[in-house]
Amino acid sequence: MLTSMPIVAFVAVTERERARAFYADILGLKLTGEDDFALMFDAGGTMLRLALVEQLQPQGFTILGWIVPDIEAAARDLTARGVEFKRYEWMDQDELGTWRSPSGARVAWFPDPFGNTLSLTQLA
Protein backbone atom coordinates (compact mmCIF):
# COMPACT_ATOMS: atom_id res chain seq x y z
CA MET A 1 0.00 0.00 0.00
CA LEU A 2 2.71 2.54 0.86
CA THR A 3 5.16 1.62 -1.92
CA SER A 4 4.03 4.48 -4.17
CA MET A 5 3.24 7.04 -1.49
CA PRO A 6 5.55 10.01 -0.85
CA ILE A 7 7.62 9.98 2.31
CA VAL A 8 8.10 12.78 4.84
CA ALA A 9 11.43 13.06 6.67
CA PHE A 10 11.46 14.43 10.24
CA VAL A 11 14.33 16.10 12.11
CA ALA A 12 13.95 17.46 15.64
CA VAL A 13 15.22 21.00 16.35
CA THR A 14 14.90 23.27 19.36
CA GLU A 15 15.09 26.76 17.84
CA ARG A 16 13.08 27.93 14.85
CA GLU A 17 15.37 30.73 13.64
CA ARG A 18 18.62 28.76 14.01
CA ALA A 19 17.00 25.88 12.13
CA ARG A 20 15.78 28.19 9.36
CA ALA A 21 19.19 29.82 9.01
CA PHE A 22 21.03 26.50 8.77
CA TYR A 23 18.67 24.50 6.57
CA ALA A 24 17.75 27.41 4.25
CA ASP A 25 20.82 29.65 4.20
CA ILE A 26 23.64 27.13 4.72
CA LEU A 27 22.20 23.97 3.11
CA GLY A 28 20.17 25.90 0.53
CA LEU A 29 16.86 24.09 1.02
CA LYS A 30 13.66 25.88 0.03
CA LEU A 31 11.30 26.70 2.89
CA THR A 32 7.84 25.60 1.76
CA GLY A 33 5.83 26.29 4.90
CA GLU A 34 5.76 26.61 8.64
CA ASP A 35 3.33 26.36 11.50
CA ASP A 36 3.48 26.39 15.30
CA PHE A 37 5.03 22.91 15.31
CA ALA A 38 7.53 22.79 12.44
CA LEU A 39 9.32 24.28 9.47
CA MET A 40 8.80 22.47 6.16
CA PHE A 41 11.45 22.32 3.45
CA ASP A 42 11.71 20.76 0.00
CA ALA A 43 14.66 18.36 0.10
CA GLY A 44 14.98 17.11 -3.45
CA GLY A 45 11.26 16.44 -3.76
CA THR A 46 10.91 14.98 -0.25
CA MET A 47 9.23 17.02 2.44
CA LEU A 48 11.63 17.64 5.30
CA ARG A 49 9.73 18.61 8.43
CA LEU A 50 11.87 20.21 11.14
CA ALA A 51 9.83 19.45 14.24
CA LEU A 52 10.18 22.02 17.02
CA VAL A 53 10.79 20.33 20.36
CA GLU A 54 11.63 21.69 23.81
CA GLN A 55 14.45 19.23 24.47
CA LEU A 56 16.57 17.19 22.12
CA GLN A 57 18.91 14.29 22.72
CA PRO A 58 20.78 13.89 19.41
CA GLN A 59 21.18 10.30 18.24
CA GLY A 60 24.60 8.70 17.84
CA PHE A 61 24.04 7.93 14.17
CA THR A 62 23.20 9.69 10.91
CA ILE A 63 19.56 10.77 10.82
CA LEU A 64 19.49 12.45 7.41
CA GLY A 65 21.74 12.29 4.37
CA TRP A 66 22.00 13.39 0.78
CA ILE A 67 23.29 11.46 -2.22
CA VAL A 68 25.49 13.81 -4.22
CA PRO A 69 27.22 13.32 -7.61
CA ASP A 70 30.49 14.98 -6.49
CA ILE A 71 31.22 14.74 -2.78
CA GLU A 72 34.38 16.84 -3.03
CA ALA A 73 32.51 19.77 -4.59
CA ALA A 74 29.64 19.44 -2.10
CA ALA A 75 32.00 19.24 0.90
CA ARG A 76 34.03 22.22 -0.28
CA ASP A 77 30.87 24.27 -0.82
CA LEU A 78 29.51 23.45 2.63
CA THR A 79 32.90 24.10 4.24
CA ALA A 80 32.94 27.54 2.59
CA ARG A 81 29.49 28.15 4.13
CA GLY A 82 30.84 27.37 7.62
CA VAL A 83 30.00 23.67 7.96
CA GLU A 84 32.60 21.65 9.86
CA PHE A 85 32.82 17.99 8.91
CA LYS A 86 33.18 15.39 11.63
CA ARG A 87 36.44 13.50 12.08
CA TYR A 88 36.53 10.03 13.54
CA GLU A 89 39.89 8.81 14.86
CA TRP A 90 39.22 5.23 13.86
CA MET A 91 38.33 6.08 10.24
CA ASP A 92 40.64 6.82 7.35
CA GLN A 93 39.21 10.15 6.14
CA ASP A 94 40.74 12.47 3.56
CA GLU A 95 41.45 16.19 4.04
CA LEU A 96 37.77 17.02 3.44
CA GLY A 97 36.58 14.47 6.00
CA THR A 98 35.32 11.92 3.48
CA TRP A 99 35.66 8.18 4.05
CA ARG A 100 35.62 5.47 1.39
CA SER A 101 33.37 2.59 2.39
CA PRO A 102 34.09 -1.04 1.44
CA SER A 103 31.51 -0.72 -1.36
CA GLY A 104 33.46 2.23 -2.82
CA ALA A 105 30.92 4.87 -1.78
CA ARG A 106 32.39 8.01 -0.23
CA VAL A 107 30.72 9.45 2.87
CA ALA A 108 31.21 12.61 4.97
CA TRP A 109 29.35 13.57 8.13
CA PHE A 110 28.50 16.96 9.63
CA PRO A 111 26.33 18.22 12.48
CA ASP A 112 23.44 20.62 12.29
CA PRO A 113 23.30 23.34 14.99
CA PHE A 114 21.37 20.95 17.27
CA GLY A 115 23.87 18.08 17.19
CA ASN A 116 21.96 15.97 14.67
CA THR A 117 24.35 14.07 12.39
CA LEU A 118 23.78 14.66 8.68
CA SER A 119 25.76 13.18 5.80
CA LEU A 120 26.77 13.39 2.18
CA THR A 121 27.24 10.21 0.13
CA GLN A 122 28.70 9.77 -3.34
CA LEU A 123 27.76 6.30 -4.51
CA ALA A 124 30.40 4.09 -6.11
C-alpha atoms as a PDB file:
ATOM      1  CA  MET A   1       0.000   0.000   0.000  1.00  0.00           C
ATOM      2  CA  LEU A   2       2.714   2.536   0.856  1.00  0.00           C
ATOM      3  CA  THR A   3       5.157   1.625  -1.919  1.00  0.00           C
ATOM      4  CA  SER A   4       4.035   4.477  -4.171  1.00  0.00           C
ATOM      5  CA  MET A   5       3.240   7.038  -1.487  1.00  0.00           C
ATOM      6  CA  PRO A   6       5.553  10.014  -0.847  1.00  0.00           C
ATOM      7  CA  ILE A   7       7.624   9.979   2.311  1.00  0.00           C
ATOM      8  CA  VAL A   8       8.103  12.780   4.841  1.00  0.00           C
ATOM      9  CA  ALA A   9      11.428  13.062   6.670  1.00  0.00           C
ATOM     10  CA  PHE A  10      11.464  14.427  10.238  1.00  0.00           C
ATOM     11  CA  VAL A  11      14.328  16.099  12.114  1.00  0.00           C
ATOM     12  CA  ALA A  12      13.954  17.462  15.635  1.00  0.00           C
ATOM     13  CA  VAL A  13      15.223  20.995  16.350  1.00  0.00           C
ATOM     14  CA  THR A  14      14.899  23.265  19.360  1.00  0.00           C
ATOM     15  CA  GLU A  15      15.094  26.764  17.839  1.00  0.00           C
ATOM     16  CA  ARG A  16      13.083  27.927  14.847  1.00  0.00           C
ATOM     17  CA  GLU A  17      15.371  30.732  13.639  1.00  0.00           C
ATOM     18  CA  ARG A  18      18.622  28.764  14.006  1.00  0.00           C
ATOM     19  CA  ALA A  19      17.004  25.877  12.126  1.00  0.00           C
ATOM     20  CA  ARG A  20      15.778  28.185   9.359  1.00  0.00           C
ATOM     21  CA  ALA A  21      19.192  29.819   9.015  1.00  0.00           C
ATOM     22  CA  PHE A  22      21.031  26.502   8.771  1.00  0.00           C
ATOM     23  CA  TYR A  23      18.674  24.505   6.572  1.00  0.00           C
ATOM     24  CA  ALA A  24      17.751  27.409   4.248  1.00  0.00           C
ATOM     25  CA  ASP A  25      20.821  29.646   4.197  1.00  0.00           C
ATOM     26  CA  ILE A  26      23.635  27.131   4.724  1.00  0.00           C
ATOM     27  CA  LEU A  27      22.204  23.973   3.114  1.00  0.00           C
ATOM     28  CA  GLY A  28      20.174  25.899   0.535  1.00  0.00           C
ATOM     29  CA  LEU A  29      16.863  24.091   1.022  1.00  0.00           C
ATOM     30  CA  LYS A  30      13.662  25.881   0.028  1.00  0.00           C
ATOM     31  CA  LEU A  31      11.299  26.703   2.894  1.00  0.00           C
ATOM     32  CA  THR A  32       7.843  25.603   1.763  1.00  0.00           C
ATOM     33  CA  GLY A  33       5.829  26.290   4.903  1.00  0.00           C
ATOM     34  CA  GLU A  34       5.758  26.605   8.644  1.00  0.00           C
ATOM     35  CA  ASP A  35       3.329  26.360  11.503  1.00  0.00           C
ATOM     36  CA  ASP A  36       3.484  26.387  15.296  1.00  0.00           C
ATOM     37  CA  PHE A  37       5.031  22.915  15.313  1.00  0.00           C
ATOM     38  CA  ALA A  38       7.526  22.785  12.443  1.00  0.00           C
ATOM     39  CA  LEU A  39       9.320  24.283   9.471  1.00  0.00           C
ATOM     40  CA  MET A  40       8.804  22.466   6.165  1.00  0.00           C
ATOM     41  CA  PHE A  41      11.447  22.319   3.446  1.00  0.00           C
ATOM     42  CA  ASP A  42      11.711  20.764   0.002  1.00  0.00           C
ATOM     43  CA  ALA A  43      14.656  18.358   0.103  1.00  0.00           C
ATOM     44  CA  GLY A  44      14.979  17.112  -3.449  1.00  0.00           C
ATOM     45  CA  GLY A  45      11.262  16.445  -3.756  1.00  0.00           C
ATOM     46  CA  THR A  46      10.915  14.982  -0.251  1.00  0.00           C
ATOM     47  CA  MET A  47       9.228  17.022   2.442  1.00  0.00           C
ATOM     48  CA  LEU A  48      11.632  17.640   5.305  1.00  0.00           C
ATOM     49  CA  ARG A  49       9.734  18.611   8.431  1.00  0.00           C
ATOM     50  CA  LEU A  50      11.872  20.214  11.145  1.00  0.00           C
ATOM     51  CA  ALA A  51       9.829  19.454  14.245  1.00  0.00           C
ATOM     52  CA  LEU A  52      10.182  22.018  17.017  1.00  0.00           C
ATOM     53  CA  VAL A  53      10.793  20.333  20.359  1.00  0.00           C
ATOM     54  CA  GLU A  54      11.629  21.687  23.814  1.00  0.00           C
ATOM     55  CA  GLN A  55      14.446  19.234  24.471  1.00  0.00           C
ATOM     56  CA  LEU A  56      16.574  17.191  22.116  1.00  0.00           C
ATOM     57  CA  GLN A  57      18.911  14.285  22.722  1.00  0.00           C
ATOM     58  CA  PRO A  58      20.783  13.889  19.411  1.00  0.00           C
ATOM     59  CA  GLN A  59      21.185  10.305  18.235  1.00  0.00           C
ATOM     60  CA  GLY A  60      24.600   8.699  17.837  1.00  0.00           C
ATOM     61  CA  PHE A  61      24.035   7.933  14.170  1.00  0.00           C
ATOM     62  CA  THR A  62      23.198   9.691  10.910  1.00  0.00           C
ATOM     63  CA  ILE A  63      19.564  10.768  10.825  1.00  0.00           C
ATOM     64  CA  LEU A  64      19.491  12.447   7.407  1.00  0.00           C
ATOM     65  CA  GLY A  65      21.743  12.286   4.370  1.00  0.00           C
ATOM     66  CA  TRP A  66      22.004  13.392   0.778  1.00  0.00           C
ATOM     67  CA  ILE A  67      23.295  11.465  -2.219  1.00  0.00           C
ATOM     68  CA  VAL A  68      25.493  13.813  -4.225  1.00  0.00           C
ATOM     69  CA  PRO A  69      27.216  13.325  -7.608  1.00  0.00           C
ATOM     70  CA  ASP A  70      30.490  14.980  -6.487  1.00  0.00           C
ATOM     71  CA  ILE A  71      31.223  14.743  -2.776  1.00  0.00           C
ATOM     72  CA  GLU A  72      34.377  16.845  -3.033  1.00  0.00           C
ATOM     73  CA  ALA A  73      32.507  19.771  -4.587  1.00  0.00           C
ATOM     74  CA  ALA A  74      29.637  19.441  -2.096  1.00  0.00           C
ATOM     75  CA  ALA A  75      32.003  19.237   0.896  1.00  0.00           C
ATOM     76  CA  ARG A  76      34.035  22.224  -0.276  1.00  0.00           C
ATOM     77  CA  ASP A  77      30.873  24.266  -0.824  1.00  0.00           C
ATOM     78  CA  LEU A  78      29.508  23.446   2.632  1.00  0.00           C
ATOM     79  CA  THR A  79      32.896  24.102   4.242  1.00  0.00           C
ATOM     80  CA  ALA A  80      32.942  27.543   2.594  1.00  0.00           C
ATOM     81  CA  ARG A  81      29.487  28.147   4.132  1.00  0.00           C
ATOM     82  CA  GLY A  82      30.840  27.367   7.623  1.00  0.00           C
ATOM     83  CA  VAL A  83      30.001  23.669   7.957  1.00  0.00           C
ATOM     84  CA  GLU A  84      32.597  21.645   9.857  1.00  0.00           C
ATOM     85  CA  PHE A  85      32.817  17.992   8.915  1.00  0.00           C
ATOM     86  CA  LYS A  86      33.185  15.386  11.630  1.00  0.00           C
ATOM     87  CA  ARG A  87      36.438  13.504  12.082  1.00  0.00           C
ATOM     88  CA  TYR A  88      36.532  10.028  13.539  1.00  0.00           C
ATOM     89  CA  GLU A  89      39.895   8.809  14.865  1.00  0.00           C
ATOM     90  CA  TRP A  90      39.218   5.225  13.864  1.00  0.00           C
ATOM     91  CA  MET A  91      38.333   6.084  10.238  1.00  0.00           C
ATOM     92  CA  ASP A  92      40.643   6.823   7.345  1.00  0.00           C
ATOM     93  CA  GLN A  93      39.215  10.152   6.145  1.00  0.00           C
ATOM     94  CA  ASP A  94      40.740  12.472   3.561  1.00  0.00           C
ATOM     95  CA  GLU A  95      41.447  16.192   4.037  1.00  0.00           C
ATOM     96  CA  LEU A  96      37.765  17.023   3.445  1.00  0.00           C
ATOM     97  CA  GLY A  97      36.583  14.469   5.997  1.00  0.00           C
ATOM     98  CA  THR A  98      35.321  11.919   3.476  1.00  0.00           C
ATOM     99  CA  TRP A  99      35.662   8.177   4.049  1.00  0.00           C
ATOM    100  CA  ARG A 100      35.624   5.473   1.394  1.00  0.00           C
ATOM    101  CA  SER A 101      33.369   2.590   2.385  1.00  0.00           C
ATOM    102  CA  PRO A 102      34.087  -1.042   1.444  1.00  0.00           C
ATOM    103  CA  SER A 103      31.510  -0.715  -1.363  1.00  0.00           C
ATOM    104  CA  GLY A 104      33.461   2.228  -2.818  1.00  0.00           C
ATOM    105  CA  ALA A 105      30.925   4.870  -1.778  1.00  0.00           C
ATOM    106  CA  ARG A 106      32.386   8.012  -0.231  1.00  0.00           C
ATOM    107  CA  VAL A 107      30.719   9.454   2.867  1.00  0.00           C
ATOM    108  CA  ALA A 108      31.210  12.606   4.968  1.00  0.00           C
ATOM    109  CA  TRP A 109      29.346  13.571   8.132  1.00  0.00           C
ATOM    110  CA  PHE A 110      28.504  16.959   9.635  1.00  0.00           C
ATOM    111  CA  PRO A 111      26.327  18.218  12.482  1.00  0.00           C
ATOM    112  CA  ASP A 112      23.435  20.616  12.288  1.00  0.00           C
ATOM    113  CA  PRO A 113      23.296  23.337  14.992  1.00  0.00           C
ATOM    114  CA  PHE A 114      21.372  20.952  17.275  1.00  0.00           C
ATOM    115  CA  GLY A 115      23.870  18.078  17.190  1.00  0.00           C
ATOM    116  CA  ASN A 116      21.956  15.971  14.669  1.00  0.00           C
ATOM    117  CA  THR A 117      24.353  14.071  12.389  1.00  0.00           C
ATOM    118  CA  LEU A 118      23.784  14.658   8.681  1.00  0.00           C
ATOM    119  CA  SER A 119      25.758  13.181   5.797  1.00  0.00           C
ATOM    120  CA  LEU A 120      26.773  13.394   2.175  1.00  0.00           C
ATOM    121  CA  THR A 121      27.237  10.206   0.128  1.00  0.00           C
ATOM    122  CA  GLN A 122      28.700   9.774  -3.335  1.00  0.00           C
ATOM    123  CA  LEU A 123      27.757   6.295  -4.510  1.00  0.00           C
ATOM    124  CA  ALA A 124      30.400   4.086  -6.107  1.00  0.00           C
END
